[in-house]
Amino acid sequence: MNTILNASESAPNSEDSKNGNTVQSASAQEYVPAGMRIAAAWSWRLLLVGAAIAVTFWLIAQVSTIVIPLFIAVLLAALLQPIVQFAVKIGLPRWLGMLTALTVMVSFVSLLVWLIVINFQSGFDALGVRIQFAWNDFTEWLTTSPLPFDLSDFKFSVSDAIQTIRENQNRLLSGALGFATTAGQIMAGALLVIFSLIFLLIDGKKIWFWVLGFLPAAAHAPVNEAAKAGWESVGHYVRVQILVAFVDAVGIALGAWILGVPLVIPIGISVFLASFIPFLGAITTGVLACVIALVYNGPTIALLMLAVVVLVNQIEGNVMQPLVMGNAVSVHPLGVVLAVTMGAMFAGIAGALFAVPIAACANSMVNTLASGSWRGLPDPVKIYHADKEQKRDKRAIIRELARKVKRRS
């Protein structure tokens, strides 16, 4: 570098001696320190990389209705892939392993939803009565408090309600249409998740090598090794996240049971399902437990329930997520916290859900590429196509033998 800098500085001087000028415009860079030139070179490159990242995120946001279901399908595929591999290992067809994995997943989720519905149905009437009593007590307290309120201002008749609806029917209609559109998008996203999951479980390897084939041949081995490391990290993340969600659900449900709060099972299951959104899911559903405690058991038990929810979330945020999750996905605890925070800032709930697996996958891929463990490995795309061709030839030979046997018989 010193040689280059000296050459660049000496060139203008020689030009000055030829032309007889003391200062040339081309020699202006000799007045800029070498450190400043290096900083400028780094700066414009960093700005270019930042702009590319920003454009990538913008493009993802434009097609979020496709990207989010696809990411969910990838997480589910990482969770269910061991079931499919076990089925193939014991000699079952891959499609049967896929059906088994989907059946296990659907049965488990259906069981949880059924438990929530059954328990809520058995206590729904009592919950409605308790809410009515709590509202009556609250209004009575307002009228008898040191600063009494005149509740007559809050009363309205049915005719007033009808008139209000007529005056705001356009807003209500637009809101209903917006809700219908959102519901349609959710249904389309759910179908896309199932459709993508089926093909990822059956033809995941074929899809990957098809994508890998678009890269130059020299990049096949390193990218393939990096992708395998990233895929393993995503699988570890999903399995450890189940453990974290289970701890959250047991902690909050156990606290509700000790305090005598009803509907313990629906509370625990709701916390378990929502805990797959790191940091935010458990505390959001914990509010449900606090509301139920307030309605059934009064403000004192509700405050104690709130303390239980905060304690469980502190254990998740300061122990489970950073330490257990960080060790499982080989990401520093601070990286886990920052990834979830930044994901929530940029993409809301979806960003918080995908932040840790994306960070874990990127970390594993970068480490694998930097280690150089892929050097000297053969081209995986060529090996895949060669194996595929060999299997096709074997099937052709078997079919031909079957035809010959059939003709002789």
Protein backbone atom coordinates (compact mmCIF):
# COMPACT_ATOMS: atom_id res chain seq x y z
CA MET A 1 0.00 0.00 0.00
CA ASN A 2 2.91 2.39 0.81
CA THR A 3 4.34 1.75 -2.63
CA ILE A 4 1.01 2.62 -4.26
CA LEU A 5 0.62 5.77 -2.16
CA ASN A 6 4.20 6.88 -2.93
CA ALA A 7 3.63 6.23 -6.60
CA SER A 8 0.40 8.23 -6.57
CA GLU A 9 2.15 11.08 -4.78
CA SER A 10 5.22 11.09 -7.01
CA ALA A 11 3.25 11.08 -10.26
CA PRO A 12 1.90 14.64 -9.85
CA ASN A 13 5.39 15.93 -8.96
CA SER A 14 6.88 14.53 -12.16
CA GLU A 15 4.01 16.06 -14.10
CA ASP A 16 4.74 19.41 -12.47
CA SER A 17 8.40 19.19 -13.49
CA LYS A 18 7.44 18.49 -17.09
CA ASN A 19 4.88 21.27 -17.40
CA GLY A 20 6.75 23.71 -15.23
CA ASN A 21 3.77 24.30 -13.01
CA THR A 22 4.07 24.42 -9.23
CA VAL A 23 0.58 23.06 -8.56
CA GLN A 24 -1.59 20.88 -10.79
CA SER A 25 -5.23 19.91 -10.19
CA ALA A 26 -4.21 16.24 -10.42
CA SER A 27 -1.86 16.68 -7.46
CA ALA A 28 -4.66 17.67 -5.06
CA GLN A 29 -4.80 14.19 -3.60
CA GLU A 30 -1.27 14.55 -2.23
CA TYR A 31 -2.74 17.05 0.26
CA VAL A 32 -5.29 14.42 1.52
CA PRO A 33 -3.81 12.19 4.23
CA ALA A 34 -3.60 8.48 3.48
CA GLY A 35 -5.87 7.67 6.44
CA MET A 36 -8.59 9.96 5.07
CA ARG A 37 -8.39 8.33 1.63
CA ILE A 38 -8.69 4.87 3.18
CA ALA A 39 -11.64 6.03 5.30
CA ALA A 40 -13.33 7.46 2.22
CA ALA A 41 -12.83 4.19 0.34
CA TRP A 42 -14.38 2.25 3.23
CA SER A 43 -17.22 4.76 3.55
CA TRP A 44 -18.56 4.57 0.02
CA ARG A 45 -18.34 0.78 0.07
CA LEU A 46 -20.24 0.60 3.38
CA LEU A 47 -22.85 3.00 2.00
CA LEU A 48 -23.25 0.78 -1.06
CA VAL A 49 -23.67 -2.35 1.09
CA GLY A 50 -26.18 -0.52 3.33
CA ALA A 51 -28.16 0.63 0.30
CA ALA A 52 -28.25 -2.94 -1.05
CA ILE A 53 -29.51 -4.23 2.31
CA ALA A 54 -32.15 -1.50 2.47
CA VAL A 55 -33.38 -2.31 -1.04
CA THR A 56 -33.51 -6.01 -0.14
CA PHE A 57 -35.65 -5.31 2.93
CA TRP A 58 -37.90 -3.02 0.88
CA LEU A 59 -38.44 -5.71 -1.75
CA ILE A 60 -39.21 -8.28 0.97
CA ALA A 61 -41.77 -5.88 2.49
CA GLN A 62 -43.49 -5.52 -0.89
CA VAL A 63 -44.03 -9.29 -1.13
CA SER A 64 -44.51 -9.95 2.59
CA THR A 65 -47.71 -11.92 1.92
CA ILE A 66 -45.52 -14.50 0.17
CA VAL A 67 -42.30 -14.23 2.19
CA ILE A 68 -43.90 -14.60 5.65
CA PRO A 69 -45.79 -17.85 4.83
CA LEU A 70 -42.66 -19.20 3.15
CA PHE A 71 -40.53 -18.44 6.23
CA ILE A 72 -43.13 -20.12 8.46
CA ALA A 73 -43.07 -23.17 6.19
CA VAL A 74 -39.26 -23.27 6.45
CA LEU A 75 -39.41 -23.22 10.27
CA LEU A 76 -42.03 -25.98 10.30
CA ALA A 77 -39.99 -28.00 7.81
CA ALA A 78 -36.93 -27.71 10.07
CA LEU A 79 -39.06 -28.97 12.97
CA LEU A 80 -40.68 -31.87 11.10
CA GLN A 81 -37.71 -32.93 8.98
CA PRO A 82 -36.40 -35.44 11.60
CA ILE A 83 -39.72 -37.33 11.42
CA VAL A 84 -39.44 -37.63 7.64
CA GLN A 85 -35.79 -38.69 7.87
CA PHE A 86 -36.64 -41.34 10.45
CA ALA A 87 -39.40 -42.71 8.20
CA VAL A 88 -37.00 -42.91 5.26
CA LYS A 89 -34.33 -44.50 7.47
CA ILE A 90 -36.62 -47.39 8.46
CA GLY A 91 -37.54 -48.01 4.82
CA LEU A 92 -40.80 -46.09 4.42
CA PRO A 93 -41.46 -43.90 1.37
CA ARG A 94 -40.70 -40.20 1.81
CA TRP A 95 -44.30 -39.23 1.03
CA LEU A 96 -45.50 -41.47 3.88
CA GLY A 97 -43.02 -39.82 6.23
CA MET A 98 -44.33 -36.43 5.11
CA LEU A 99 -47.92 -37.47 5.80
CA THR A 100 -46.91 -38.77 9.22
CA ALA A 101 -45.15 -35.51 10.10
CA LEU A 102 -48.13 -33.41 8.97
CA THR A 103 -50.53 -35.66 10.87
CA VAL A 104 -48.50 -35.30 14.05
CA MET A 105 -48.37 -31.52 13.71
CA VAL A 106 -52.07 -31.09 12.87
CA SER A 107 -53.11 -33.49 15.64
CA PHE A 108 -51.03 -31.67 18.23
CA VAL A 109 -52.31 -28.21 17.27
CA SER A 110 -55.89 -29.48 17.03
CA LEU A 111 -55.61 -31.00 20.51
CA LEU A 112 -54.42 -27.70 21.95
CA VAL A 113 -57.19 -25.73 20.24
CA TRP A 114 -59.80 -28.30 21.35
CA LEU A 115 -58.64 -28.02 24.98
CA ILE A 116 -58.89 -24.23 24.79
CA VAL A 117 -62.39 -24.32 23.27
CA ILE A 118 -63.72 -26.98 25.67
CA ASN A 119 -62.44 -25.22 28.76
CA PHE A 120 -63.61 -21.83 27.60
CA GLN A 121 -67.06 -23.20 26.74
CA SER A 122 -67.44 -24.75 30.19
CA GLY A 123 -66.52 -21.49 31.87
CA PHE A 124 -67.79 -18.99 29.33
CA ASP A 125 -71.20 -18.44 30.93
CA ALA A 126 -69.65 -18.01 34.35
CA LEU A 127 -67.08 -15.63 32.83
CA GLY A 128 -69.85 -13.50 31.33
CA VAL A 129 -71.67 -13.35 34.66
CA ARG A 130 -68.46 -12.42 36.47
CA ILE A 131 -67.73 -9.67 33.95
CA GLN A 132 -71.23 -8.26 34.48
CA PHE A 133 -70.79 -8.32 38.25
CA ALA A 134 -67.37 -6.70 37.96
CA TRP A 135 -68.80 -3.95 35.75
CA ASN A 136 -71.64 -3.31 38.20
CA ASP A 137 -69.18 -3.12 41.08
CA PHE A 138 -67.02 -0.73 39.10
CA THR A 139 -69.90 1.59 38.23
CA GLU A 140 -71.11 1.51 41.82
CA TRP A 141 -67.63 2.41 43.01
CA LEU A 142 -67.57 5.33 40.57
CA THR A 143 -70.82 6.73 41.95
CA THR A 144 -69.81 6.33 45.61
CA SER A 145 -66.17 7.39 45.31
CA PRO A 146 -64.94 10.69 46.83
CA LEU A 147 -65.10 12.13 43.32
CA PRO A 148 -68.47 10.77 42.13
CA PHE A 149 -69.25 10.49 38.44
CA ASP A 150 -72.62 11.12 36.89
CA LEU A 151 -73.20 7.96 34.84
CA SER A 152 -76.31 9.36 33.23
CA ASP A 153 -74.08 10.97 30.63
CA PHE A 154 -72.90 7.52 29.55
CA LYS A 155 -76.38 6.09 29.01
CA PHE A 156 -77.83 5.90 25.54
CA SER A 157 -80.87 4.33 24.00
CA VAL A 158 -81.21 1.85 21.17
CA SER A 159 -82.47 4.61 18.87
CA ASP A 160 -79.30 6.58 19.56
CA ALA A 161 -77.23 3.53 18.67
CA ILE A 162 -79.14 3.03 15.40
CA GLN A 163 -78.71 6.70 14.54
CA THR A 164 -74.98 6.46 15.22
CA ILE A 165 -74.71 3.42 12.94
CA ARG A 166 -76.54 5.26 10.16
CA GLU A 167 -74.27 8.25 10.44
CA ASN A 168 -71.12 6.12 10.29
CA GLN A 169 -72.24 3.38 7.90
CA ASN A 170 -69.57 4.24 5.32
CA ARG A 171 -66.81 3.85 7.90
CA LEU A 172 -68.33 0.63 9.17
CA LEU A 173 -68.59 -0.73 5.63
CA SER A 174 -64.97 0.14 4.83
CA GLY A 175 -63.88 -1.45 8.12
CA ALA A 176 -65.84 -4.60 7.32
CA LEU A 177 -64.27 -4.77 3.86
CA GLY A 178 -60.82 -4.28 5.37
CA PHE A 179 -61.47 -7.08 7.84
CA ALA A 180 -62.68 -9.34 5.04
CA THR A 181 -59.55 -8.56 3.03
CA THR A 182 -57.32 -9.33 6.01
CA ALA A 183 -59.16 -12.58 6.69
CA GLY A 184 -58.76 -13.54 3.03
CA GLN A 185 -55.03 -12.81 3.19
CA ILE A 186 -54.69 -14.94 6.32
CA MET A 187 -56.47 -17.85 4.65
CA ALA A 188 -54.34 -17.51 1.52
CA GLY A 189 -51.21 -17.36 3.68
CA ALA A 190 -52.25 -20.49 5.60
CA LEU A 191 -52.79 -22.39 2.35
CA LEU A 192 -49.42 -21.20 1.07
CA VAL A 193 -47.76 -22.40 4.29
CA ILE A 194 -49.26 -25.88 3.93
CA PHE A 195 -48.49 -26.06 0.21
CA SER A 196 -44.87 -24.93 0.70
CA LEU A 197 -44.39 -27.23 3.70
CA ILE A 198 -45.50 -30.29 1.73
CA PHE A 199 -43.02 -29.66 -1.06
CA LEU A 200 -40.19 -28.73 1.32
CA LEU A 201 -40.64 -32.04 3.15
CA ILE A 202 -40.93 -34.14 -0.02
CA ASP A 203 -38.60 -32.36 -2.48
CA GLY A 204 -36.55 -30.09 -0.25
CA LYS A 205 -33.26 -31.53 -1.48
CA LYS A 206 -34.33 -31.29 -5.11
CA ILE A 207 -35.46 -27.67 -4.67
CA TRP A 208 -32.19 -26.74 -2.98
CA PHE A 209 -29.94 -28.20 -5.67
CA TRP A 210 -32.11 -26.56 -8.33
CA VAL A 211 -31.50 -23.17 -6.66
CA LEU A 212 -27.81 -23.97 -6.12
CA GLY A 213 -27.44 -24.75 -9.82
CA PHE A 214 -27.93 -21.06 -10.69
CA LEU A 215 -24.62 -20.20 -8.97
CA PRO A 216 -21.18 -20.61 -10.57
CA ALA A 217 -19.67 -24.07 -10.21
CA ALA A 218 -16.88 -22.75 -7.97
CA ALA A 219 -19.49 -21.55 -5.44
CA HIS A 220 -21.44 -24.82 -5.22
CA ALA A 221 -19.35 -26.51 -2.51
CA PRO A 222 -18.93 -23.50 -0.14
CA VAL A 223 -22.54 -22.38 -0.43
CA ASN A 224 -23.82 -25.92 0.07
CA GLU A 225 -21.73 -26.44 3.23
CA ALA A 226 -22.78 -23.03 4.58
CA ALA A 227 -26.44 -23.75 3.86
CA LYS A 228 -26.25 -27.11 5.67
CA ALA A 229 -24.79 -25.39 8.75
CA GLY A 230 -27.50 -22.72 8.61
CA TRP A 231 -30.23 -25.34 8.26
CA GLU A 232 -28.95 -27.18 11.34
CA SER A 233 -29.03 -23.93 13.33
CA VAL A 234 -32.63 -23.27 12.30
CA GLY A 235 -33.61 -26.79 13.40
CA HIS A 236 -31.91 -26.29 16.77
CA TYR A 237 -33.71 -22.97 17.18
CA VAL A 238 -37.16 -24.43 16.55
CA ARG A 239 -36.66 -27.33 18.96
CA VAL A 240 -35.24 -25.13 21.73
CA GLN A 241 -38.05 -22.62 21.20
CA ILE A 242 -40.54 -25.39 22.03
CA LEU A 243 -38.72 -25.87 25.35
CA VAL A 244 -38.82 -22.11 26.05
CA ALA A 245 -42.55 -21.96 25.24
CA PHE A 246 -43.21 -24.95 27.50
CA VAL A 247 -41.40 -23.28 30.42
CA ASP A 248 -43.40 -20.06 29.90
CA ALA A 249 -46.70 -21.95 29.75
CA VAL A 250 -45.99 -24.07 32.82
CA GLY A 251 -44.76 -21.08 34.83
CA ILE A 252 -47.76 -18.84 34.16
CA ALA A 253 -50.31 -21.68 34.40
CA LEU A 254 -48.78 -22.89 37.67
CA GLY A 255 -48.92 -19.36 39.08
CA ALA A 256 -52.58 -19.06 38.06
CA TRP A 257 -53.39 -22.40 39.70
CA ILE A 258 -51.67 -21.45 42.97
CA LEU A 259 -53.53 -18.11 43.07
CA GLY A 260 -56.86 -19.84 42.39
CA VAL A 261 -57.42 -18.24 38.98
CA PRO A 262 -59.86 -20.28 36.84
CA LEU A 263 -59.34 -21.41 33.22
CA VAL A 264 -55.78 -22.53 33.94
CA ILE A 265 -55.55 -24.87 30.93
CA PRO A 266 -56.61 -22.29 28.31
CA ILE A 267 -54.23 -19.78 29.85
CA GLY A 268 -51.29 -22.21 29.70
CA ILE A 269 -52.01 -23.31 26.13
CA SER A 270 -52.44 -19.71 24.95
CA VAL A 271 -49.09 -18.81 26.50
CA PHE A 272 -47.44 -21.85 24.88
CA LEU A 273 -48.67 -20.99 21.39
CA ALA A 274 -47.84 -17.28 21.71
CA SER A 275 -44.37 -17.89 23.17
CA PHE A 276 -43.02 -18.74 19.73
CA ILE A 277 -42.81 -14.97 19.34
CA PRO A 278 -39.77 -14.28 21.57
CA PHE A 279 -40.20 -11.89 24.52
CA LEU A 280 -43.53 -10.48 23.24
CA GLY A 281 -45.80 -13.52 22.98
CA ALA A 282 -45.78 -14.74 26.59
CA ILE A 283 -46.35 -11.33 28.14
CA THR A 284 -49.15 -10.54 25.69
CA THR A 285 -51.08 -13.69 26.58
CA GLY A 286 -50.14 -13.21 30.24
CA VAL A 287 -52.35 -10.14 30.19
CA LEU A 288 -55.26 -12.52 29.54
CA ALA A 289 -54.50 -14.30 32.81
CA CYS A 290 -54.41 -10.96 34.62
CA VAL A 291 -57.80 -9.95 33.20
CA ILE A 292 -59.36 -13.27 34.22
CA ALA A 293 -57.84 -12.90 37.69
CA LEU A 294 -59.24 -9.38 37.95
CA VAL A 295 -62.73 -10.50 36.95
CA TYR A 296 -62.87 -13.62 39.14
CA ASN A 297 -60.56 -12.89 42.06
CA GLY A 298 -60.33 -9.13 42.40
CA PRO A 299 -57.55 -6.56 42.00
CA THR A 300 -55.20 -8.05 44.63
CA ILE A 301 -54.98 -11.46 42.94
CA ALA A 302 -54.77 -9.70 39.57
CA LEU A 303 -51.70 -7.77 40.74
CA LEU A 304 -50.13 -11.00 42.04
CA MET A 305 -50.89 -12.66 38.70
CA LEU A 306 -49.24 -9.74 36.93
CA ALA A 307 -46.17 -10.23 39.13
CA VAL A 308 -46.06 -13.93 38.11
CA VAL A 309 -46.28 -12.99 34.42
CA VAL A 310 -43.48 -10.44 34.77
CA LEU A 311 -41.31 -12.94 36.69
CA VAL A 312 -41.76 -15.67 34.09
CA ASN A 313 -40.97 -13.25 31.28
CA GLN A 314 -37.87 -12.05 33.11
CA ILE A 315 -36.71 -15.66 33.36
CA GLU A 316 -37.38 -16.13 29.66
CA GLY A 317 -35.76 -12.85 28.63
CA ASN A 318 -32.69 -13.04 30.87
CA VAL A 319 -32.08 -16.80 31.14
CA MET A 320 -33.91 -18.93 28.59
CA GLN A 321 -33.66 -16.78 25.47
CA PRO A 322 -30.13 -15.37 25.81
CA LEU A 323 -28.40 -18.37 27.44
CA VAL A 324 -30.28 -21.52 26.39
CA MET A 325 -31.29 -20.19 22.98
CA GLY A 326 -27.95 -18.46 22.46
CA ASN A 327 -26.03 -21.67 23.15
CA ALA A 328 -28.32 -23.73 20.94
CA VAL A 329 -27.92 -21.47 17.92
CA SER A 330 -24.33 -20.32 18.72
CA VAL A 331 -25.35 -16.66 18.92
CA HIS A 332 -24.21 -14.42 21.76
CA PRO A 333 -27.02 -13.54 24.25
CA LEU A 334 -26.66 -9.86 23.38
CA GLY A 335 -27.04 -10.78 19.71
CA VAL A 336 -30.29 -12.62 20.47
CA VAL A 337 -31.74 -9.64 22.34
CA LEU A 338 -30.65 -7.13 19.69
CA ALA A 339 -31.91 -9.35 16.85
CA VAL A 340 -35.38 -9.66 18.39
CA THR A 341 -35.53 -5.93 19.17
CA MET A 342 -34.46 -4.88 15.68
CA GLY A 343 -36.77 -7.41 14.07
CA ALA A 344 -39.73 -6.08 16.05
CA MET A 345 -38.80 -2.49 15.16
CA PHE A 346 -38.53 -3.12 11.42
CA ALA A 347 -41.19 -5.80 10.82
CA GLY A 348 -43.38 -6.02 13.94
CA ILE A 349 -44.46 -9.46 15.12
CA ALA A 350 -43.13 -11.20 12.01
CA GLY A 351 -39.74 -9.57 12.51
CA ALA A 352 -39.59 -10.69 16.15
CA LEU A 353 -40.55 -14.23 15.12
CA PHE A 354 -37.93 -14.60 12.38
CA ALA A 355 -35.12 -12.47 13.82
CA VAL A 356 -33.37 -15.17 15.87
CA PRO A 357 -33.48 -17.98 13.26
CA ILE A 358 -32.26 -15.60 10.56
CA ALA A 359 -29.43 -14.39 12.82
CA ALA A 360 -28.53 -17.97 13.75
CA CYS A 361 -28.57 -19.11 10.12
CA ALA A 362 -26.45 -16.15 8.99
CA ASN A 363 -23.97 -16.68 11.83
CA SER A 364 -23.51 -20.38 11.01
CA MET A 365 -23.15 -19.72 7.29
CA VAL A 366 -20.55 -17.00 7.78
CA ASN A 367 -18.55 -19.14 10.22
CA THR A 368 -18.58 -22.09 7.82
CA LEU A 369 -17.44 -19.97 4.89
CA ALA A 370 -14.70 -18.36 6.98
CA SER A 371 -13.45 -21.71 8.31
CA GLY A 372 -12.64 -22.99 4.82
CA SER A 373 -13.84 -26.51 5.68
CA TRP A 374 -15.40 -26.72 2.25
CA ARG A 375 -12.08 -26.51 0.40
CA GLY A 376 -11.30 -29.61 -1.63
CA LEU A 377 -14.89 -30.90 -1.58
CA PRO A 378 -16.38 -32.10 -4.88
CA ASP A 379 -19.17 -30.24 -6.65
CA PRO A 380 -22.39 -31.30 -4.82
CA VAL A 381 -24.58 -30.39 -7.79
CA LYS A 382 -22.71 -32.78 -10.07
CA ILE A 383 -22.89 -35.52 -7.43
CA TYR A 384 -26.64 -34.97 -7.00
CA HIS A 385 -27.33 -35.16 -10.74
CA ALA A 386 -25.07 -38.21 -11.11
CA ASP A 387 -26.93 -40.02 -8.32
CA LYS A 388 -30.22 -39.01 -9.85
CA GLU A 389 -29.15 -40.34 -13.24
CA GLN A 390 -27.95 -43.59 -11.67
CA LYS A 391 -31.28 -44.10 -9.91
CA ARG A 392 -33.11 -43.37 -13.16
CA ASP A 393 -31.02 -46.01 -14.95
CA LYS A 394 -31.75 -48.55 -12.21
CA ARG A 395 -35.49 -47.90 -12.48
CA ALA A 396 -35.29 -48.25 -16.25
CA ILE A 397 -33.47 -51.60 -15.89
CA ILE A 398 -36.07 -52.84 -13.39
CA ARG A 399 -38.92 -51.81 -15.69
CA GLU A 400 -37.27 -53.54 -18.63
CA LEU A 401 -36.81 -56.75 -16.62
CA ALA A 402 -40.43 -56.57 -15.54
CA ARG A 403 -41.53 -56.27 -19.19
CA LYS A 404 -39.43 -59.28 -20.19
CA VAL A 405 -40.83 -61.38 -17.35
CA LYS A 406 -44.32 -60.34 -18.32
CA ARG A 407 -43.76 -61.27 -21.96
CA ARG A 408 -42.41 -64.73 -21.09
CA SER A 409 -45.33 -65.42 -18.78
